[in-house]
Amino acid sequence: KPLRADQRELRLATIEDGNPTVDIFFDEHRVWSTRLPDAHPRTAVRRLPWPPAMVPYLHGTSTVAVRSSATGQALASAEVKFGGLGRVSITDSQGRWLAINKWNRFGPTLDGDSSGMQERMLTAAAVLARQLKDWGYPFYMVGGTLLGAMRSGDLLPHDDDIDFAFLCEKTDPQDVTLISFRLQRQLAAAGYTVVRHSHAHLEIVFLTKEGGTDYYIDIFTSYYSDDGLYNQPFAL
């Protein structure tokens, strides 16, 4: 079989050359995107250990499918029994399907949500955009938000937040930091819940009525250094 899996790993017979990125689906829900490792030289099988965050969910049966991230082409699919009853359900307490994010942990994505989170996030982003403009911050879209706008004029279905940046007029990193802290104070005074990830990266957290996390909007501080190089620090 071209695809086999158990609670430890997914095993995929070599289908494409190189190390392409693939999307892995459980019952038509994308839960993980990853780059394929090299195939074993003797068996021509690629072995992908499951991320540790996924293992506790692997109980029951699911149709596991692998598709090309670039084209959406189906590469392999199989009905997999992981043990236990029912279907595999990789969901949160609100019933939203989860996917492994760039931090290698689970989070809700737009394509797994039916609660209207995307509409709430866009509405909040429009309000925030007007405030940033009124406060004098030259802001713009970056990251996955910009990529989705360029690809389809919409949010990426695999994304989970909105990414803004603003261009700071300062060139010295210490001055840039002070501007970012000034923005943080303005946001907090306006009633936002703000988390600082670095001297140049703010995350606004929007909560549900029950007090849980609903979605995020990131604001990155960018600037040109004295030598004319564009900088947009990221919290890594």
C-alpha atoms as a PDB file:
ATOM      1  CA  LYS A   1       0.000   0.000   0.000  1.00  0.00           C
ATOM      2  CA  PRO A   2       1.286   3.510  -0.758  1.00  0.00           C
ATOM      3  CA  LEU A   3       0.162   4.775   2.683  1.00  0.00           C
ATOM      4  CA  ARG A   4       0.273   3.089   6.066  1.00  0.00           C
ATOM      5  CA  ALA A   5       0.044   4.602   9.522  1.00  0.00           C
ATOM      6  CA  ASP A   6      -0.126   3.740  13.194  1.00  0.00           C
ATOM      7  CA  GLN A   7       0.051   5.727  16.421  1.00  0.00           C
ATOM      8  CA  ARG A   8       3.773   6.324  15.957  1.00  0.00           C
ATOM      9  CA  GLU A   9       4.193   7.399  12.347  1.00  0.00           C
ATOM     10  CA  LEU A  10       2.920   7.699   8.806  1.00  0.00           C
ATOM     11  CA  ARG A  11       4.711   5.646   6.155  1.00  0.00           C
ATOM     12  CA  LEU A  12       4.470   6.816   2.568  1.00  0.00           C
ATOM     13  CA  ALA A  13       5.797   5.059  -0.505  1.00  0.00           C
ATOM     14  CA  THR A  14       7.902   7.363  -2.664  1.00  0.00           C
ATOM     15  CA  ILE A  15       5.623   9.291  -5.001  1.00  0.00           C
ATOM     16  CA  GLU A  16       7.491  12.465  -5.923  1.00  0.00           C
ATOM     17  CA  ASP A  17      11.149  13.321  -6.278  1.00  0.00           C
ATOM     18  CA  GLY A  18      12.849  15.572  -3.783  1.00  0.00           C
ATOM     19  CA  ASN A  19      11.349  16.781  -0.519  1.00  0.00           C
ATOM     20  CA  PRO A  20       8.067  18.525  -1.353  1.00  0.00           C
ATOM     21  CA  THR A  21       5.734  19.943   1.272  1.00  0.00           C
ATOM     22  CA  VAL A  22       2.513  17.989   1.763  1.00  0.00           C
ATOM     23  CA  ASP A  23      -0.785  18.467   3.594  1.00  0.00           C
ATOM     24  CA  ILE A  24      -2.059  15.582   5.701  1.00  0.00           C
ATOM     25  CA  PHE A  25      -5.807  15.214   6.147  1.00  0.00           C
ATOM     26  CA  PHE A  26      -7.937  13.219   8.577  1.00  0.00           C
ATOM     27  CA  ASP A  27     -11.471  12.719   7.201  1.00  0.00           C
ATOM     28  CA  GLU A  28     -11.037  15.724   4.862  1.00  0.00           C
ATOM     29  CA  HIS A  29      -9.686  17.998   7.626  1.00  0.00           C
ATOM     30  CA  ARG A  30      -6.113  19.217   7.231  1.00  0.00           C
ATOM     31  CA  VAL A  31      -4.252  18.651  10.476  1.00  0.00           C
ATOM     32  CA  TRP A  32      -0.577  18.906   9.499  1.00  0.00           C
ATOM     33  CA  SER A  33       1.624  20.303   6.761  1.00  0.00           C
ATOM     34  CA  THR A  34       5.225  19.144   6.555  1.00  0.00           C
ATOM     35  CA  ARG A  35       8.113  18.566   4.202  1.00  0.00           C
ATOM     36  CA  LEU A  36       8.580  14.953   3.147  1.00  0.00           C
ATOM     37  CA  PRO A  37      11.803  13.380   4.443  1.00  0.00           C
ATOM     38  CA  ASP A  38      14.144  11.407   2.238  1.00  0.00           C
ATOM     39  CA  ALA A  39      13.003   7.933   1.265  1.00  0.00           C
ATOM     40  CA  HIS A  40      14.757   4.893   2.689  1.00  0.00           C
ATOM     41  CA  PRO A  41      17.289   3.812   0.040  1.00  0.00           C
ATOM     42  CA  ARG A  42      16.249   0.154   0.205  1.00  0.00           C
ATOM     43  CA  THR A  43      12.479   0.269   0.802  1.00  0.00           C
ATOM     44  CA  ALA A  44      11.761   3.630  -0.928  1.00  0.00           C
ATOM     45  CA  VAL A  45       9.454   4.495   1.993  1.00  0.00           C
ATOM     46  CA  ARG A  46       9.305   7.893   3.661  1.00  0.00           C
ATOM     47  CA  ARG A  47       8.660   7.737   7.414  1.00  0.00           C
ATOM     48  CA  LEU A  48       7.024  10.693   9.146  1.00  0.00           C
ATOM     49  CA  PRO A  49       6.777  10.432  12.961  1.00  0.00           C
ATOM     50  CA  TRP A  50       3.638  12.189  14.194  1.00  0.00           C
ATOM     51  CA  PRO A  51       4.194  15.471  16.083  1.00  0.00           C
ATOM     52  CA  PRO A  52       3.975  14.770  19.835  1.00  0.00           C
ATOM     53  CA  ALA A  53       0.912  17.029  20.139  1.00  0.00           C
ATOM     54  CA  MET A  54      -1.004  14.798  17.718  1.00  0.00           C
ATOM     55  CA  VAL A  55      -0.404  11.424  19.357  1.00  0.00           C
ATOM     56  CA  PRO A  56      -3.045  11.725  22.139  1.00  0.00           C
ATOM     57  CA  TYR A  57      -5.752  12.227  19.483  1.00  0.00           C
ATOM     58  CA  LEU A  58      -4.940   9.091  17.489  1.00  0.00           C
ATOM     59  CA  HIS A  59      -7.742   6.844  18.669  1.00  0.00           C
ATOM     60  CA  GLY A  60     -10.395   5.421  16.348  1.00  0.00           C
ATOM     61  CA  THR A  61     -10.506   5.203  12.571  1.00  0.00           C
ATOM     62  CA  SER A  62      -9.913   7.864   9.930  1.00  0.00           C
ATOM     63  CA  THR A  63      -9.388   8.308   6.219  1.00  0.00           C
ATOM     64  CA  VAL A  64      -5.842   9.625   6.122  1.00  0.00           C
ATOM     65  CA  ALA A  65      -4.890  11.439   2.927  1.00  0.00           C
ATOM     66  CA  VAL A  66      -1.704  13.103   1.724  1.00  0.00           C
ATOM     67  CA  ARG A  67      -1.894  15.931  -0.831  1.00  0.00           C
ATOM     68  CA  SER A  68       0.631  18.235  -2.436  1.00  0.00           C
ATOM     69  CA  SER A  69       0.660  21.609  -0.667  1.00  0.00           C
ATOM     70  CA  ALA A  70       1.591  23.345  -3.912  1.00  0.00           C
ATOM     71  CA  THR A  71      -1.060  21.861  -6.208  1.00  0.00           C
ATOM     72  CA  GLY A  72      -3.614  20.091  -4.001  1.00  0.00           C
ATOM     73  CA  GLN A  73      -3.000  16.874  -5.949  1.00  0.00           C
ATOM     74  CA  ALA A  74      -3.893  13.702  -4.041  1.00  0.00           C
ATOM     75  CA  LEU A  75      -0.769  11.608  -3.496  1.00  0.00           C
ATOM     76  CA  ALA A  76      -2.093   8.775  -1.323  1.00  0.00           C
ATOM     77  CA  SER A  77      -5.067   7.875   0.849  1.00  0.00           C
ATOM     78  CA  ALA A  78      -6.052   4.986   3.114  1.00  0.00           C
ATOM     79  CA  GLU A  79      -8.540   4.074   5.824  1.00  0.00           C
ATOM     80  CA  VAL A  80      -6.435   3.757   8.961  1.00  0.00           C
ATOM     81  CA  LYS A  81      -7.433   2.055  12.215  1.00  0.00           C
ATOM     82  CA  PHE A  82      -5.508   3.503  15.132  1.00  0.00           C
ATOM     83  CA  GLY A  83      -7.318   1.426  17.753  1.00  0.00           C
ATOM     84  CA  GLY A  84     -10.418   2.237  19.745  1.00  0.00           C
ATOM     85  CA  LEU A  85     -13.952   3.053  18.659  1.00  0.00           C
ATOM     86  CA  GLY A  86     -15.373   5.865  16.552  1.00  0.00           C
ATOM     87  CA  ARG A  87     -13.681   8.303  14.215  1.00  0.00           C
ATOM     88  CA  VAL A  88     -10.523  10.234  15.008  1.00  0.00           C
ATOM     89  CA  SER A  89     -11.548  13.700  16.201  1.00  0.00           C
ATOM     90  CA  ILE A  90      -8.790  16.297  16.438  1.00  0.00           C
ATOM     91  CA  THR A  91     -10.926  19.098  17.848  1.00  0.00           C
ATOM     92  CA  ASP A  92     -10.955  21.563  20.725  1.00  0.00           C
ATOM     93  CA  SER A  93     -13.593  22.016  23.443  1.00  0.00           C
ATOM     94  CA  GLN A  94     -15.684  24.088  21.016  1.00  0.00           C
ATOM     95  CA  GLY A  95     -15.703  21.342  18.405  1.00  0.00           C
ATOM     96  CA  ARG A  96     -13.328  23.187  16.047  1.00  0.00           C
ATOM     97  CA  TRP A  97     -10.900  21.061  14.043  1.00  0.00           C
ATOM     98  CA  LEU A  98      -7.291  21.788  14.927  1.00  0.00           C
ATOM     99  CA  ALA A  99      -4.088  21.816  12.894  1.00  0.00           C
ATOM    100  CA  ILE A 100      -0.415  21.824  13.809  1.00  0.00           C
ATOM    101  CA  ASN A 101       0.798  25.421  13.509  1.00  0.00           C
ATOM    102  CA  LYS A 102       4.251  26.887  12.939  1.00  0.00           C
ATOM    103  CA  TRP A 103       5.007  26.507  16.644  1.00  0.00           C
ATOM    104  CA  ASN A 104       4.461  22.722  16.305  1.00  0.00           C
ATOM    105  CA  ARG A 105       1.384  22.763  18.509  1.00  0.00           C
ATOM    106  CA  PHE A 106      -2.333  22.567  17.762  1.00  0.00           C
ATOM    107  CA  GLY A 107      -4.474  25.600  17.085  1.00  0.00           C
ATOM    108  CA  PRO A 108      -7.761  26.306  15.272  1.00  0.00           C
ATOM    109  CA  THR A 109      -7.587  27.325  11.615  1.00  0.00           C
ATOM    110  CA  LEU A 110     -10.069  29.106   9.398  1.00  0.00           C
ATOM    111  CA  ASP A 111     -10.890  26.009   7.351  1.00  0.00           C
ATOM    112  CA  GLY A 112     -11.782  24.089  10.513  1.00  0.00           C
ATOM    113  CA  ASP A 113     -14.079  26.728  11.968  1.00  0.00           C
ATOM    114  CA  SER A 114     -17.859  27.050  11.642  1.00  0.00           C
ATOM    115  CA  SER A 115     -18.405  29.542  14.482  1.00  0.00           C
ATOM    116  CA  GLY A 116     -18.009  32.718  12.418  1.00  0.00           C
ATOM    117  CA  MET A 117     -14.512  33.388  13.774  1.00  0.00           C
ATOM    118  CA  GLN A 118     -13.259  34.575  10.384  1.00  0.00           C
ATOM    119  CA  GLU A 119     -15.958  37.248  10.186  1.00  0.00           C
ATOM    120  CA  ARG A 120     -15.284  38.358  13.773  1.00  0.00           C
ATOM    121  CA  MET A 121     -11.565  38.567  13.068  1.00  0.00           C
ATOM    122  CA  LEU A 122     -12.041  40.617   9.878  1.00  0.00           C
ATOM    123  CA  THR A 123     -14.403  42.998  11.644  1.00  0.00           C
ATOM    124  CA  ALA A 124     -11.940  43.514  14.496  1.00  0.00           C
ATOM    125  CA  ALA A 125      -9.077  43.990  12.016  1.00  0.00           C
ATOM    126  CA  ALA A 126     -11.014  46.706  10.179  1.00  0.00           C
ATOM    127  CA  VAL A 127     -11.605  48.570  13.462  1.00  0.00           C
ATOM    128  CA  LEU A 128      -7.955  48.182  14.442  1.00  0.00           C
ATOM    129  CA  ALA A 129      -6.824  49.392  11.017  1.00  0.00           C
ATOM    130  CA  ARG A 130      -8.814  52.599  11.407  1.00  0.00           C
ATOM    131  CA  GLN A 131      -7.329  53.164  14.869  1.00  0.00           C
ATOM    132  CA  LEU A 132      -3.764  52.611  13.682  1.00  0.00           C
ATOM    133  CA  LYS A 133      -4.364  55.088  10.861  1.00  0.00           C
ATOM    134  CA  ASP A 134      -5.876  57.663  13.234  1.00  0.00           C
ATOM    135  CA  TRP A 135      -2.898  57.268  15.585  1.00  0.00           C
ATOM    136  CA  GLY A 136      -0.470  57.928  12.728  1.00  0.00           C
ATOM    137  CA  TYR A 137       1.002  54.458  12.217  1.00  0.00           C
ATOM    138  CA  PRO A 138       1.607  53.641   8.509  1.00  0.00           C
ATOM    139  CA  PHE A 139       0.413  50.041   8.614  1.00  0.00           C
ATOM    140  CA  TYR A 140       0.107  47.300   5.995  1.00  0.00           C
ATOM    141  CA  MET A 141      -0.493  43.568   5.685  1.00  0.00           C
ATOM    142  CA  VAL A 142       2.384  41.093   5.942  1.00  0.00           C
ATOM    143  CA  GLY A 143       2.943  37.350   6.290  1.00  0.00           C
ATOM    144  CA  GLY A 144       0.127  34.935   5.591  1.00  0.00           C
ATOM    145  CA  THR A 145      -2.423  37.752   5.413  1.00  0.00           C
ATOM    146  CA  LEU A 146      -0.542  39.385   2.533  1.00  0.00           C
ATOM    147  CA  LEU A 147      -0.001  36.012   0.854  1.00  0.00           C
ATOM    148  CA  GLY A 148      -3.726  35.243   0.957  1.00  0.00           C
ATOM    149  CA  ALA A 149      -4.561  38.672  -0.430  1.00  0.00           C
ATOM    150  CA  MET A 150      -2.141  38.200  -3.318  1.00  0.00           C
ATOM    151  CA  ARG A 151      -3.238  34.630  -4.064  1.00  0.00           C
ATOM    152  CA  SER A 152      -6.997  34.905  -3.884  1.00  0.00           C
ATOM    153  CA  GLY A 153      -8.025  38.222  -2.329  1.00  0.00           C
ATOM    154  CA  ASP A 154      -9.039  36.341   0.820  1.00  0.00           C
ATOM    155  CA  LEU A 155      -7.570  34.909   4.000  1.00  0.00           C
ATOM    156  CA  LEU A 156      -5.579  31.704   3.671  1.00  0.00           C
ATOM    157  CA  PRO A 157      -7.804  28.792   4.744  1.00  0.00           C
ATOM    158  CA  HIS A 158      -4.877  27.286   6.678  1.00  0.00           C
ATOM    159  CA  ASP A 159      -4.118  30.523   8.545  1.00  0.00           C
ATOM    160  CA  ASP A 160      -5.215  31.322  12.094  1.00  0.00           C
ATOM    161  CA  ASP A 161      -4.613  35.048  12.522  1.00  0.00           C
ATOM    162  CA  ILE A 162      -4.133  38.406  10.786  1.00  0.00           C
ATOM    163  CA  ASP A 163      -0.677  39.932  10.389  1.00  0.00           C
ATOM    164  CA  PHE A 164      -0.176  43.703  10.343  1.00  0.00           C
ATOM    165  CA  ALA A 165       3.038  45.708  10.402  1.00  0.00           C
ATOM    166  CA  PHE A 166       3.752  49.416  10.518  1.00  0.00           C
ATOM    167  CA  LEU A 167       6.750  51.312   9.233  1.00  0.00           C
ATOM    168  CA  CYS A 168       8.543  53.161  12.019  1.00  0.00           C
ATOM    169  CA  GLU A 169      10.333  56.342  11.009  1.00  0.00           C
ATOM    170  CA  LYS A 170      13.222  55.640  13.403  1.00  0.00           C
ATOM    171  CA  THR A 171      16.399  53.854  12.306  1.00  0.00           C
ATOM    172  CA  ASP A 172      18.038  52.985  15.632  1.00  0.00           C
ATOM    173  CA  PRO A 173      16.663  49.724  17.136  1.00  0.00           C
ATOM    174  CA  GLN A 174      16.424  51.332  20.594  1.00  0.00           C
ATOM    175  CA  ASP A 175      14.237  54.122  19.238  1.00  0.00           C
ATOM    176  CA  VAL A 176      12.172  51.601  17.307  1.00  0.00           C
ATOM    177  CA  THR A 177      11.616  49.695  20.554  1.00  0.00           C
ATOM    178  CA  LEU A 178      10.355  52.821  22.304  1.00  0.00           C
ATOM    179  CA  ILE A 179       7.828  53.391  19.507  1.00  0.00           C
ATOM    180  CA  SER A 180       6.589  49.804  19.849  1.00  0.00           C
ATOM    181  CA  PHE A 181       6.108  50.248  23.593  1.00  0.00           C
ATOM    182  CA  ARG A 182       4.232  53.501  22.950  1.00  0.00           C
ATOM    183  CA  LEU A 183       1.869  51.632  20.627  1.00  0.00           C
ATOM    184  CA  GLN A 184       1.383  48.946  23.275  1.00  0.00           C
ATOM    185  CA  ARG A 185       0.274  51.570  25.808  1.00  0.00           C
ATOM    186  CA  GLN A 186      -2.151  53.074  23.284  1.00  0.00           C
ATOM    187  CA  LEU A 187      -3.653  49.673  22.513  1.00  0.00           C
ATOM    188  CA  ALA A 188      -4.028  48.819  26.200  1.00  0.00           C
ATOM    189  CA  ALA A 189      -5.681  52.186  26.882  1.00  0.00           C
ATOM    190  CA  ALA A 190      -8.123  51.425  24.048  1.00  0.00           C
ATOM    191  CA  GLY A 191      -9.162  48.221  25.839  1.00  0.00           C
ATOM    192  CA  TYR A 192      -7.163  45.602  23.928  1.00  0.00           C
ATOM    193  CA  THR A 193      -5.487  42.597  25.526  1.00  0.00           C
ATOM    194  CA  VAL A 194      -1.879  42.878  24.330  1.00  0.00           C
ATOM    195  CA  VAL A 195       0.882  40.274  24.585  1.00  0.00           C
ATOM    196  CA  ARG A 196       4.448  41.328  23.817  1.00  0.00           C
ATOM    197  CA  HIS A 197       6.550  38.671  22.049  1.00  0.00           C
ATOM    198  CA  SER A 198       9.622  40.805  21.380  1.00  0.00           C
ATOM    199  CA  HIS A 199      10.700  44.444  21.231  1.00  0.00           C
ATOM    200  CA  ALA A 200       9.079  44.630  17.794  1.00  0.00           C
ATOM    201  CA  HIS A 201       6.208  42.123  17.884  1.00  0.00           C
ATOM    202  CA  LEU A 202       2.850  42.672  19.585  1.00  0.00           C
ATOM    203  CA  GLU A 203      -0.007  40.178  19.615  1.00  0.00           C
ATOM    204  CA  ILE A 204      -3.562  41.319  20.332  1.00  0.00           C
ATOM    205  CA  VAL A 205      -5.617  38.510  21.842  1.00  0.00           C
ATOM    206  CA  PHE A 206      -9.388  38.463  21.360  1.00  0.00           C
ATOM    207  CA  LEU A 207     -11.335  36.347  23.843  1.00  0.00           C
ATOM    208  CA  THR A 208     -14.613  34.461  23.668  1.00  0.00           C
ATOM    209  CA  LYS A 209     -17.520  35.250  25.971  1.00  0.00           C
ATOM    210  CA  GLU A 210     -16.401  32.329  28.120  1.00  0.00           C
ATOM    211  CA  GLY A 211     -12.910  33.804  28.488  1.00  0.00           C
ATOM    212  CA  GLY A 212     -11.079  31.485  26.109  1.00  0.00           C
ATOM    213  CA  THR A 213      -8.927  32.587  23.184  1.00  0.00           C
ATOM    214  CA  ASP A 214     -10.882  33.277  20.007  1.00  0.00           C
ATOM    215  CA  TYR A 215      -8.254  34.672  17.597  1.00  0.00           C
ATOM    216  CA  TYR A 216      -5.193  36.903  17.321  1.00  0.00           C
ATOM    217  CA  ILE A 217      -3.978  39.917  15.373  1.00  0.00           C
ATOM    218  CA  ASP A 218      -0.214  40.464  15.200  1.00  0.00           C
ATOM    219  CA  ILE A 219       1.425  43.874  14.794  1.00  0.00           C
ATOM    220  CA  PHE A 220       5.084  43.904  13.766  1.00  0.00           C
ATOM    221  CA  THR A 221       7.276  47.011  13.942  1.00  0.00           C
ATOM    222  CA  SER A 222       9.380  47.469  10.809  1.00  0.00           C
ATOM    223  CA  TYR A 223      12.017  50.054   9.994  1.00  0.00           C
ATOM    224  CA  TYR A 224      14.906  50.927   7.692  1.00  0.00           C
ATOM    225  CA  SER A 225      18.351  50.822   9.252  1.00  0.00           C
ATOM    226  CA  ASP A 226      20.913  53.530   8.489  1.00  0.00           C
ATOM    227  CA  ASP A 227      22.293  51.513   5.585  1.00  0.00           C
ATOM    228  CA  GLY A 228      18.850  51.364   3.931  1.00  0.00           C
ATOM    229  CA  LEU A 229      18.109  47.731   4.822  1.00  0.00           C
ATOM    230  CA  TYR A 230      14.430  46.920   5.536  1.00  0.00           C
ATOM    231  CA  ASN A 231      13.972  45.186   8.895  1.00  0.00           C
ATOM    232  CA  GLN A 232      10.929  43.387  10.240  1.00  0.00           C
ATOM    233  CA  PRO A 233      12.033  41.465  13.344  1.00  0.00           C
ATOM    234  CA  PHE A 234      10.120  38.305  14.211  1.00  0.00           C
ATOM    235  CA  ALA A 235       9.801  36.694  17.638  1.00  0.00           C
ATOM    236  CA  LEU A 236      11.989  33.612  17.273  1.00  0.00           C
END
